[in-house]
Amino acid sequence: MFAVRTTGVFCRPSCPARQPRPENVEFYANPGLAVRAGYRACKRCTPDREAPSQRQAQLVAKLCRRIERAERAPTLRDLGEAAGLSPFHLQRLFRAVTGVTPRAFAAAHRAERSRRELGRGASVTKAIYAAGYSSAGQFYAEADARLGMRPKRYRARGAGEVIRFAVGESSLGVVLVAATDRGLCAVLLGDSAQSLERDLRRQFARAQCEPAARAYAKTVAAVVARIEEPAASLDLPVDIRGTAFQQRVWQALQDIPAGQTISYAELARRVGSANGSRAVARACASNALAVVVPCHRVVRANGDLAGYRWGIERKQQLLDRESQKPS
């Protein structure tokens, strides 16, 4: 907080009022100290109240709880009436705070409830209605995309899912490439085949992970070629599993051309979550498809490298390689 001696008012640093002369300014750690010093709160930025962003976050949090408690997903009109906002402004606010629309949040929560029920061993029918689906048809229409596998297979917590993998060598170290029958599900970088295989088995603990046939070597070679030559095309299907927000981030990452970088804040804006830099960073850290989903192209606002799941040195090498123009 800062206070202005000539006006007797204290403000937030972001106050839009005319800037005072530096010699007339005093600083206080909180509104209470400014009030005790004899200053009154500015009526424009209301520093004695919660910041607008805090109020908005609290409002959206209440709406999220409302969606979670509802047996059926509330409509935009219902949520707008509860918040005292028009459906249009409610949608914009909700997306700005959470990164997803109320409908996407409700769908993700519904899928999570079905996962919990199936994980407890509930029948598919019980899981359908416990999760709030209005019909079995609606559940099955979404199940493959939301669960990443058929409902009965998910009920077994992945048991029976077959993941085939193979290991290759690249200039960045050992590469493990794994795929389901739908496409690539993991591309891991490391220093040893044993540690990468352990990582794969931790990620897919109940699945059947087995070495791939020799013909799979072509897939590994294609991935290694992508590592060595970032501009090379990779015409392989992928099996990406994540939340609605994660998938939006991962899709946006694939739209960044080789040789270019963006900040976490810019990536957050691209996915419609202007204040979601931390959530974007977590989504990048959750990416299991190194190079295929190029999370190494995201840097800090000042251009410095942030954390990378497979090591900062590898991230730097990838960026250096991509920045080199072909001769």
Protein backbone atom coordinates (compact mmCIF):
# COMPACT_ATOMS: atom_id res chain seq x y z
CA MET A 1 0.00 0.00 0.00
CA PHE A 2 1.10 3.58 -0.54
CA ALA A 3 -0.29 6.73 1.02
CA VAL A 4 -0.17 10.33 -0.21
CA ARG A 5 0.49 12.99 2.41
CA THR A 6 -1.08 15.82 0.42
CA THR A 7 -4.42 14.03 -0.06
CA GLY A 8 -4.58 11.88 3.06
CA VAL A 9 -5.51 8.85 0.93
CA PHE A 10 -3.90 5.42 0.66
CA CYS A 11 -4.10 3.25 -2.49
CA ARG A 12 -3.13 -0.02 -4.06
CA PRO A 13 0.05 0.06 -6.23
CA SER A 14 -2.21 -0.62 -9.23
CA CYS A 15 -4.54 2.33 -8.58
CA PRO A 16 -5.51 4.12 -11.83
CA ALA A 17 -5.55 7.54 -10.15
CA ARG A 18 -2.98 10.17 -11.10
CA GLN A 19 0.48 9.31 -9.78
CA PRO A 20 1.61 11.47 -6.84
CA ARG A 21 5.01 13.09 -6.45
CA PRO A 22 7.52 10.63 -4.90
CA GLU A 23 8.35 13.01 -2.04
CA ASN A 24 4.68 12.91 -0.92
CA VAL A 25 4.44 9.12 -0.76
CA GLU A 26 4.62 6.79 2.27
CA PHE A 27 4.44 3.00 2.17
CA TYR A 28 2.56 0.63 4.47
CA ALA A 29 2.51 -3.15 4.66
CA ASN A 30 -1.27 -3.38 5.05
CA PRO A 31 -4.43 -1.19 5.12
CA GLY A 32 -4.65 -1.31 8.90
CA LEU A 33 -1.31 0.45 9.35
CA ALA A 34 -2.32 3.15 6.87
CA VAL A 35 -5.62 3.75 8.70
CA ARG A 36 -3.84 4.00 12.05
CA ALA A 37 -1.51 6.58 10.52
CA GLY A 38 -4.55 8.73 9.73
CA TYR A 39 -5.11 7.94 6.06
CA ARG A 40 -8.44 7.01 4.46
CA ALA A 41 -9.00 4.43 1.73
CA CYS A 42 -9.12 5.47 -1.92
CA LYS A 43 -12.63 5.13 -3.36
CA ARG A 44 -11.33 4.10 -6.80
CA CYS A 45 -9.11 1.13 -5.94
CA THR A 46 -10.72 0.31 -2.52
CA PRO A 47 -7.51 -0.94 -0.87
CA ASP A 48 -9.38 -1.71 2.36
CA ARG A 49 -11.34 -4.43 0.55
CA GLU A 50 -10.32 -7.62 -1.17
CA ALA A 51 -8.71 -7.17 -4.56
CA PRO A 52 -11.09 -7.71 -7.50
CA SER A 53 -9.05 -10.72 -8.62
CA GLN A 54 -9.47 -12.30 -5.17
CA ARG A 55 -13.22 -11.68 -5.18
CA GLN A 56 -13.48 -13.15 -8.66
CA ALA A 57 -11.45 -16.21 -7.67
CA GLN A 58 -13.65 -16.76 -4.61
CA LEU A 59 -16.81 -16.41 -6.71
CA VAL A 60 -15.57 -18.91 -9.27
CA ALA A 61 -14.52 -21.29 -6.49
CA LYS A 62 -18.08 -21.19 -5.13
CA LEU A 63 -19.44 -21.91 -8.61
CA CYS A 64 -17.04 -24.85 -8.95
CA ARG A 65 -18.34 -26.30 -5.67
CA ARG A 66 -21.90 -25.76 -6.92
CA ILE A 67 -21.12 -27.69 -10.10
CA GLU A 68 -19.48 -30.49 -8.10
CA ARG A 69 -22.44 -30.85 -5.74
CA ALA A 70 -25.10 -30.78 -8.45
CA GLU A 71 -26.62 -34.06 -9.61
CA ARG A 72 -26.91 -32.57 -13.10
CA ALA A 73 -24.57 -29.98 -14.55
CA PRO A 74 -26.07 -26.47 -14.02
CA THR A 75 -26.67 -24.40 -17.13
CA LEU A 76 -24.87 -21.13 -17.78
CA ARG A 77 -28.11 -19.32 -16.95
CA ASP A 78 -28.33 -21.11 -13.57
CA LEU A 79 -24.73 -20.24 -12.73
CA GLY A 80 -25.18 -16.66 -13.91
CA GLU A 81 -28.20 -16.15 -11.69
CA ALA A 82 -26.29 -17.57 -8.71
CA ALA A 83 -23.38 -15.21 -9.38
CA GLY A 84 -25.46 -12.17 -10.34
CA LEU A 85 -23.86 -12.07 -13.80
CA SER A 86 -25.08 -12.51 -17.33
CA PRO A 87 -24.30 -15.92 -18.90
CA PHE A 88 -21.83 -14.21 -21.26
CA HIS A 89 -19.85 -12.50 -18.49
CA LEU A 90 -20.06 -15.57 -16.29
CA GLN A 91 -18.49 -17.70 -19.02
CA ARG A 92 -15.68 -15.18 -19.61
CA LEU A 93 -14.90 -14.85 -15.91
CA PHE A 94 -14.98 -18.60 -15.27
CA ARG A 95 -12.65 -19.27 -18.17
CA ALA A 96 -10.25 -16.48 -17.18
CA VAL A 97 -9.88 -17.91 -13.67
CA THR A 98 -9.90 -21.67 -14.34
CA GLY A 99 -8.75 -21.89 -17.95
CA VAL A 100 -11.83 -23.88 -19.00
CA THR A 101 -15.51 -23.18 -19.54
CA PRO A 102 -18.12 -24.20 -16.95
CA ARG A 103 -19.28 -26.93 -19.33
CA ALA A 104 -15.74 -28.33 -19.68
CA PHE A 105 -15.24 -28.16 -15.90
CA ALA A 106 -18.50 -30.03 -15.32
CA ALA A 107 -17.55 -32.68 -17.90
CA ALA A 108 -14.10 -33.15 -16.36
CA HIS A 109 -15.60 -33.42 -12.86
CA ARG A 110 -18.20 -35.89 -14.08
CA ALA A 111 -15.46 -37.98 -15.68
CA GLU A 112 -13.46 -37.87 -12.46
CA ARG A 113 -16.47 -39.09 -10.48
CA SER A 114 -16.93 -41.95 -12.92
CA ARG A 115 -13.22 -42.80 -12.59
CA ARG A 116 -13.54 -42.93 -8.80
CA GLU A 117 -16.61 -45.17 -8.97
CA LEU A 118 -15.05 -47.50 -11.52
CA GLY A 119 -11.80 -47.53 -9.54
CA ARG A 120 -13.73 -48.70 -6.46
CA GLY A 121 -15.03 -51.63 -8.45
CA ALA A 122 -18.51 -50.27 -9.06
CA SER A 123 -20.46 -51.60 -12.00
CA VAL A 124 -20.46 -49.47 -15.12
CA THR A 125 -24.20 -48.81 -14.70
CA LYS A 126 -23.74 -47.61 -11.11
CA ALA A 127 -20.81 -45.42 -12.12
CA ILE A 128 -22.88 -43.83 -14.89
CA TYR A 129 -25.58 -42.53 -12.58
CA ALA A 130 -23.32 -41.84 -9.57
CA ALA A 131 -21.27 -39.54 -11.80
CA GLY A 132 -24.34 -37.58 -12.90
CA TYR A 133 -24.72 -38.74 -16.49
CA SER A 134 -28.28 -38.45 -17.70
CA SER A 135 -28.09 -41.63 -19.75
CA ALA A 136 -25.85 -44.56 -20.56
CA GLY A 137 -25.58 -43.30 -24.13
CA GLN A 138 -24.11 -39.99 -23.00
CA PHE A 139 -21.56 -41.79 -20.82
CA TYR A 140 -20.39 -44.14 -23.55
CA ALA A 141 -20.20 -41.28 -26.04
CA GLU A 142 -17.65 -39.54 -23.78
CA ALA A 143 -15.98 -42.53 -22.14
CA ASP A 144 -13.23 -43.24 -24.64
CA ALA A 145 -12.04 -39.63 -24.76
CA ARG A 146 -12.42 -38.99 -21.02
CA LEU A 147 -11.12 -42.29 -19.65
CA GLY A 148 -8.64 -43.09 -22.42
CA MET A 149 -9.95 -46.66 -22.61
CA ARG A 150 -13.17 -48.62 -22.52
CA PRO A 151 -15.13 -48.28 -19.22
CA LYS A 152 -14.83 -51.93 -18.20
CA ARG A 153 -11.09 -51.80 -18.76
CA TYR A 154 -10.86 -48.63 -16.66
CA ARG A 155 -12.87 -50.33 -13.94
CA ALA A 156 -9.95 -52.76 -13.67
CA ARG A 157 -7.67 -49.70 -13.14
CA GLY A 158 -5.89 -50.25 -16.43
CA ALA A 159 -5.39 -53.99 -16.02
CA GLY A 160 -5.39 -55.55 -19.47
CA GLU A 161 -4.20 -52.39 -21.22
CA VAL A 162 -1.20 -53.38 -23.33
CA ILE A 163 1.61 -50.88 -23.74
CA ARG A 164 4.51 -51.83 -25.97
CA PHE A 165 7.83 -50.06 -25.67
CA ALA A 166 11.30 -50.00 -27.13
CA VAL A 167 14.51 -48.15 -26.32
CA GLY A 168 16.87 -46.30 -28.63
CA GLU A 169 19.86 -43.98 -28.48
CA SER A 170 20.00 -40.32 -29.40
CA SER A 171 22.34 -37.38 -28.98
CA LEU A 172 20.30 -36.49 -25.87
CA GLY A 173 20.77 -39.88 -24.29
CA VAL A 174 18.53 -42.90 -24.04
CA VAL A 175 15.02 -42.64 -25.52
CA LEU A 176 12.11 -44.87 -24.52
CA VAL A 177 9.15 -44.88 -26.90
CA ALA A 178 5.88 -46.48 -25.78
CA ALA A 179 2.52 -46.86 -27.46
CA THR A 180 -0.93 -48.33 -26.99
CA ASP A 181 -2.95 -49.63 -29.91
CA ARG A 182 -4.17 -46.03 -30.34
CA GLY A 183 -0.78 -44.32 -30.67
CA LEU A 184 2.24 -42.98 -28.81
CA CYS A 185 1.57 -42.60 -25.09
CA ALA A 186 5.09 -41.87 -23.81
CA VAL A 187 8.42 -40.60 -25.11
CA LEU A 188 10.89 -40.50 -22.21
CA LEU A 189 14.46 -39.21 -22.13
CA GLY A 190 17.11 -40.29 -19.65
CA ASP A 191 20.48 -41.83 -18.94
CA SER A 192 19.59 -45.52 -18.73
CA ALA A 193 17.04 -47.89 -20.22
CA GLN A 194 16.37 -49.38 -16.77
CA SER A 195 15.39 -46.07 -15.16
CA LEU A 196 13.15 -45.15 -18.10
CA GLU A 197 11.41 -48.52 -18.00
CA ARG A 198 10.78 -48.06 -14.27
CA ASP A 199 9.33 -44.61 -15.00
CA LEU A 200 7.02 -46.07 -17.65
CA ARG A 201 5.80 -48.82 -15.32
CA ARG A 202 5.10 -46.27 -12.56
CA GLN A 203 3.00 -44.18 -14.94
CA PHE A 204 1.03 -47.21 -16.14
CA ALA A 205 1.16 -49.29 -12.98
CA ARG A 206 -1.74 -51.63 -13.78
CA ALA A 207 -1.13 -51.92 -17.50
CA GLN A 208 0.80 -54.70 -19.18
CA CYS A 209 4.05 -53.13 -20.34
CA GLU A 210 6.02 -55.36 -22.67
CA PRO A 211 8.90 -54.98 -25.15
CA ALA A 212 7.71 -54.29 -28.67
CA ALA A 213 8.37 -56.43 -31.71
CA ARG A 214 11.40 -55.68 -33.90
CA ALA A 215 9.18 -53.88 -36.42
CA TYR A 216 8.61 -51.20 -33.77
CA ALA A 217 12.17 -50.04 -34.38
CA LYS A 218 10.85 -47.87 -37.23
CA THR A 219 8.71 -45.93 -34.76
CA VAL A 220 11.68 -45.40 -32.44
CA ALA A 221 13.78 -44.27 -35.40
CA ALA A 222 11.11 -41.72 -36.37
CA VAL A 223 11.11 -40.27 -32.85
CA VAL A 224 14.92 -40.15 -32.72
CA ALA A 225 14.91 -38.38 -36.10
CA ARG A 226 12.58 -35.76 -34.61
CA ILE A 227 15.06 -35.24 -31.77
CA GLU A 228 18.01 -34.86 -34.11
CA GLU A 229 16.13 -32.73 -36.64
CA PRO A 230 13.29 -30.78 -34.95
CA ALA A 231 11.86 -29.60 -38.27
CA ALA A 232 11.34 -33.20 -39.40
CA SER A 233 7.72 -34.29 -39.60
CA LEU A 234 6.46 -36.99 -37.26
CA ASP A 235 3.48 -38.61 -38.89
CA LEU A 236 2.55 -40.90 -36.00
CA PRO A 237 -0.72 -41.11 -34.06
CA VAL A 238 -0.60 -40.17 -30.39
CA ASP A 239 -2.61 -41.33 -27.39
CA ILE A 240 -2.55 -38.26 -25.12
CA ARG A 241 -4.46 -38.61 -21.86
CA GLY A 242 -5.07 -35.70 -19.53
CA THR A 243 -7.59 -33.24 -18.20
CA ALA A 244 -9.41 -30.86 -20.51
CA PHE A 245 -7.04 -28.06 -19.50
CA GLN A 246 -3.91 -30.18 -19.97
CA GLN A 247 -5.01 -31.23 -23.42
CA ARG A 248 -5.59 -27.61 -24.43
CA VAL A 249 -2.08 -26.72 -23.25
CA TRP A 250 -0.52 -29.70 -25.03
CA GLN A 251 -2.34 -28.85 -28.25
CA ALA A 252 -1.12 -25.25 -28.03
CA LEU A 253 2.44 -26.52 -27.52
CA GLN A 254 2.22 -28.48 -30.76
CA ASP A 255 1.31 -25.26 -32.56
CA ILE A 256 4.64 -23.58 -31.62
CA PRO A 257 7.00 -23.81 -34.61
CA ALA A 258 10.49 -25.22 -34.18
CA GLY A 259 12.98 -22.46 -33.48
CA GLN A 260 10.50 -20.31 -31.57
CA THR A 261 9.81 -19.98 -27.85
CA ILE A 262 7.05 -18.37 -25.81
CA SER A 263 6.64 -17.54 -22.15
CA TYR A 264 4.39 -19.38 -19.73
CA ALA A 265 2.27 -16.23 -19.48
CA GLU A 266 1.82 -16.05 -23.26
CA LEU A 267 0.93 -19.74 -23.43
CA ALA A 268 -1.62 -19.17 -20.66
CA ARG A 269 -3.20 -16.37 -22.70
CA ARG A 270 -3.31 -18.59 -25.79
CA VAL A 271 -5.33 -21.22 -23.95
CA GLY A 272 -7.70 -18.60 -22.51
CA SER A 273 -6.31 -18.47 -18.98
CA ALA A 274 -4.53 -15.13 -18.66
CA ASN A 275 -3.77 -15.66 -14.97
CA GLY A 276 -2.94 -19.34 -15.31
CA SER A 277 0.85 -19.36 -15.76
CA ARG A 278 1.36 -21.77 -12.88
CA ALA A 279 -1.33 -24.14 -14.13
CA VAL A 280 0.28 -24.05 -17.58
CA ALA A 281 3.68 -24.85 -16.04
CA ARG A 282 2.16 -27.85 -14.24
CA ALA A 283 0.59 -29.06 -17.48
CA CYS A 284 3.98 -28.80 -19.19
CA ALA A 285 5.59 -30.78 -16.36
CA SER A 286 2.92 -33.48 -16.76
CA ASN A 287 3.68 -33.97 -20.44
CA ALA A 288 4.96 -37.51 -21.05
CA LEU A 289 5.68 -37.08 -24.77
CA ALA A 290 9.05 -35.36 -24.95
CA VAL A 291 9.72 -33.56 -28.25
CA VAL A 292 6.42 -34.81 -29.71
CA VAL A 293 4.62 -32.32 -27.47
CA PRO A 294 7.39 -29.68 -27.35
CA CYS A 295 7.12 -28.28 -23.84
CA HIS A 296 10.82 -27.36 -24.07
CA ARG A 297 9.78 -24.34 -26.18
CA VAL A 298 8.24 -22.60 -23.17
CA VAL A 299 10.53 -20.29 -21.18
CA ARG A 300 10.28 -17.63 -18.52
CA ALA A 301 9.20 -14.11 -19.43
CA ASN A 302 12.82 -12.90 -19.35
CA GLY A 303 13.94 -15.72 -21.65
CA ASP A 304 15.58 -17.83 -18.92
CA LEU A 305 14.99 -21.57 -18.89
CA ALA A 306 12.61 -22.95 -16.29
CA GLY A 307 12.36 -26.55 -15.13
CA TYR A 308 12.20 -29.39 -17.63
CA ARG A 309 11.10 -32.91 -16.81
CA TRP A 310 14.14 -34.39 -18.55
CA GLY A 311 16.72 -31.86 -17.37
CA ILE A 312 17.61 -28.26 -18.12
CA GLU A 313 20.68 -29.30 -20.14
CA ARG A 314 18.54 -31.31 -22.55
CA LYS A 315 16.12 -28.39 -22.84
CA GLN A 316 18.99 -26.06 -23.74
CA GLN A 317 20.35 -28.51 -26.29
CA LEU A 318 16.96 -28.85 -27.96
CA LEU A 319 16.51 -25.09 -28.16
CA ASP A 320 20.07 -24.57 -29.45
CA ARG A 321 19.51 -27.20 -32.12
CA GLU A 322 16.19 -25.69 -33.19
CA SER A 323 17.64 -22.19 -33.41
CA GLN A 324 20.28 -23.27 -35.92
CA LYS A 325 19.32 -22.46 -39.48
CA PRO A 326 19.87 -25.24 -42.01
CA SER A 327 22.92 -24.72 -44.17
